[in-house]
Amino acid sequence: MLQDWFPLIMLFMHLPVLLIHEYGHACAGRLVGTHMIGIYIGEGKPVFSIGHVHWSPQKFWLGRYSYKHIQLKWGQRLLLISGGVLANLVTGSLVWAFALLYPEWFAGVFTSAFVTTSYLFVIVNLFPHTLSNGLKNDGLNLKELWLSRKTDK
């Protein structure tokens, strides 16, 4: 049965969900006025690029939104950091809603894997920790931003 392949299908859903996450940061960055340099999937020298998305085989599970740094207010930084998680939450919820409304079109193991992976991205990215490449994840950036709110006024 296809359900037996669910963990492998979730692994393949990682890349589209990661791209949605990074584009969430990019959309939020555009809203607050930053200039995007690129979206990087993986670490190290990019093997190839498609538009502004650069792909590297090392640590391919990591993504990064790179932008030209400008002075941002507290609320703008909050939106920029939260953009990826919000994108995952919205797309996962929309796919889930469509699966409930139109089960003949959206029900199935691929929909379940996409929704599950999207929500796992939300949970993992909101839990504050340092990534394997030494960078802070969204949750740690949000925690530090929240703790700095009194000094930024």
Protein backbone atom coordinates (compact mmCIF):
# COMPACT_ATOMS: atom_id res chain seq x y z
CA MET A 1 0.00 0.00 0.00
CA LEU A 2 1.00 3.59 -0.55
CA GLN A 3 0.71 4.34 3.19
CA ASP A 4 3.74 2.10 3.76
CA TRP A 5 5.77 4.62 1.76
CA PHE A 6 4.58 7.57 3.89
CA PRO A 7 7.99 8.28 5.56
CA LEU A 8 9.75 8.26 2.18
CA ILE A 9 7.07 10.47 0.63
CA MET A 10 7.47 12.89 3.56
CA LEU A 11 11.20 13.02 2.83
CA PHE A 12 10.44 14.04 -0.76
CA MET A 13 7.97 16.66 0.51
CA HIS A 14 10.81 18.31 2.42
CA LEU A 15 12.12 20.23 -0.60
CA PRO A 16 8.82 21.84 -1.69
CA VAL A 17 7.97 22.69 1.93
CA LEU A 18 11.47 24.15 2.42
CA LEU A 19 11.07 26.28 -0.71
CA ILE A 20 7.68 27.52 0.52
CA HIS A 21 9.30 28.37 3.85
CA GLU A 22 12.13 30.37 2.27
CA TYR A 23 9.76 32.12 -0.14
CA GLY A 24 7.68 33.05 2.91
CA HIS A 25 10.72 34.91 4.23
CA ALA A 26 11.23 36.46 0.78
CA CYS A 27 7.60 37.69 0.58
CA ALA A 28 7.81 39.11 4.10
CA GLY A 29 11.11 40.73 3.19
CA ARG A 30 9.51 42.37 0.18
CA LEU A 31 6.71 43.68 2.40
CA VAL A 32 9.17 45.31 4.79
CA GLY A 33 11.40 46.68 2.03
CA THR A 34 14.46 44.42 1.95
CA HIS A 35 16.24 43.55 -1.28
CA MET A 36 16.59 39.79 -1.83
CA ILE A 37 20.03 38.47 -2.72
CA GLY A 38 18.92 34.86 -3.04
CA ILE A 39 17.50 31.70 -1.55
CA TYR A 40 20.07 29.03 -0.76
CA ILE A 41 19.23 25.35 -0.41
CA GLY A 42 22.10 23.40 1.12
CA GLU A 43 25.52 24.62 2.21
CA GLY A 44 28.73 25.27 0.35
CA LYS A 45 29.34 26.33 -3.22
CA PRO A 46 26.15 26.13 -5.30
CA VAL A 47 26.15 23.37 -7.91
CA PHE A 48 23.48 25.10 -9.98
CA SER A 49 21.03 27.96 -9.77
CA ILE A 50 17.53 28.48 -11.05
CA GLY A 51 16.76 32.17 -10.97
CA HIS A 52 17.61 33.39 -7.50
CA VAL A 53 17.48 29.88 -5.93
CA HIS A 54 20.94 28.37 -5.47
CA TRP A 55 21.37 24.62 -4.83
CA SER A 56 24.20 22.85 -2.99
CA PRO A 57 24.36 19.12 -2.19
CA GLN A 58 25.94 19.51 1.27
CA LYS A 59 23.41 19.75 4.10
CA PHE A 60 20.62 19.88 1.51
CA TRP A 61 17.99 19.90 4.25
CA LEU A 62 18.94 23.47 5.25
CA GLY A 63 17.60 26.59 3.60
CA ARG A 64 18.50 30.25 3.94
CA TYR A 65 16.98 33.47 2.72
CA SER A 66 19.66 36.06 2.04
CA TYR A 67 18.86 39.75 1.76
CA LYS A 68 20.58 43.11 1.79
CA HIS A 69 20.46 44.20 5.42
CA ILE A 70 18.74 47.49 6.13
CA GLN A 71 17.60 49.08 9.38
CA LEU A 72 14.28 47.48 10.32
CA LYS A 73 11.86 48.35 13.10
CA TRP A 74 10.90 45.73 15.66
CA GLY A 75 7.61 44.83 13.93
CA GLN A 76 9.30 44.58 10.54
CA ARG A 77 11.92 42.19 11.92
CA LEU A 78 9.13 40.17 13.53
CA LEU A 79 7.37 39.82 10.16
CA LEU A 80 10.60 38.96 8.33
CA ILE A 81 11.57 36.24 10.81
CA SER A 82 8.02 34.83 10.99
CA GLY A 83 7.45 34.83 7.22
CA GLY A 84 8.66 31.27 6.64
CA VAL A 85 6.65 29.73 9.47
CA LEU A 86 3.54 31.68 8.42
CA ALA A 87 3.94 30.45 4.83
CA ASN A 88 4.17 26.83 6.02
CA LEU A 89 1.19 27.26 8.33
CA VAL A 90 -0.98 28.87 5.64
CA THR A 91 -0.12 26.44 2.82
CA GLY A 92 -0.42 23.38 5.06
CA SER A 93 -3.80 24.60 6.33
CA LEU A 94 -5.06 25.43 2.83
CA VAL A 95 -4.10 22.01 1.47
CA TRP A 96 -5.73 20.38 4.50
CA ALA A 97 -8.91 22.45 4.00
CA PHE A 98 -9.06 21.55 0.31
CA ALA A 99 -8.57 17.89 1.20
CA LEU A 100 -11.58 18.10 3.53
CA LEU A 101 -13.70 20.01 1.00
CA TYR A 102 -12.71 18.01 -2.07
CA PRO A 103 -11.58 14.57 -0.90
CA GLU A 104 -11.85 13.08 -4.39
CA TRP A 105 -9.15 15.49 -5.60
CA PHE A 106 -6.93 16.10 -2.58
CA ALA A 107 -7.27 13.10 -0.28
CA GLY A 108 -4.37 10.73 -0.25
CA VAL A 109 -0.96 10.02 1.09
CA PHE A 110 0.72 12.89 -0.79
CA THR A 111 -1.66 15.44 0.69
CA SER A 112 -1.17 13.95 4.16
CA ALA A 113 2.60 14.00 3.73
CA PHE A 114 2.59 17.63 2.57
CA VAL A 115 0.38 18.78 5.45
CA THR A 116 2.36 16.78 8.01
CA THR A 117 5.69 18.07 6.72
CA SER A 118 4.39 21.65 6.67
CA TYR A 119 3.24 21.47 10.28
CA LEU A 120 6.48 19.79 11.35
CA PHE A 121 8.35 22.69 9.75
CA VAL A 122 6.27 25.09 11.86
CA ILE A 123 7.02 23.20 15.09
CA VAL A 124 10.73 22.64 14.42
CA ASN A 125 11.30 26.21 13.26
CA LEU A 126 9.54 27.74 16.26
CA PHE A 127 11.53 25.65 18.75
CA PRO A 128 14.59 27.83 19.50
CA HIS A 129 17.86 26.13 18.57
CA THR A 130 21.07 26.54 16.58
CA LEU A 131 21.22 24.78 13.22
CA SER A 132 23.93 22.31 12.18
CA ASN A 133 25.64 25.10 10.19
CA GLY A 134 25.89 27.30 13.30
CA LEU A 135 23.14 29.74 12.32
CA LYS A 136 20.14 30.52 14.51
CA ASN A 137 16.79 29.13 13.46
CA ASP A 138 13.62 31.22 13.28
CA GLY A 139 12.57 30.31 16.82
CA LEU A 140 15.87 31.44 18.33
CA ASN A 141 15.75 34.66 16.30
CA LEU A 142 12.17 35.28 17.48
CA LYS A 143 13.16 34.61 21.09
CA GLU A 144 16.06 37.08 20.90
CA LEU A 145 13.85 39.63 19.15
CA TRP A 146 11.19 39.27 21.83
CA LEU A 147 13.74 39.68 24.63
CA SER A 148 15.13 42.82 22.94
CA ARG A 149 11.74 44.52 22.55
CA LYS A 150 12.24 46.86 25.52
CA THR A 151 15.63 48.10 24.34
CA ASP A 152 14.58 48.79 20.72
CA LYS A 153 12.02 51.51 21.44
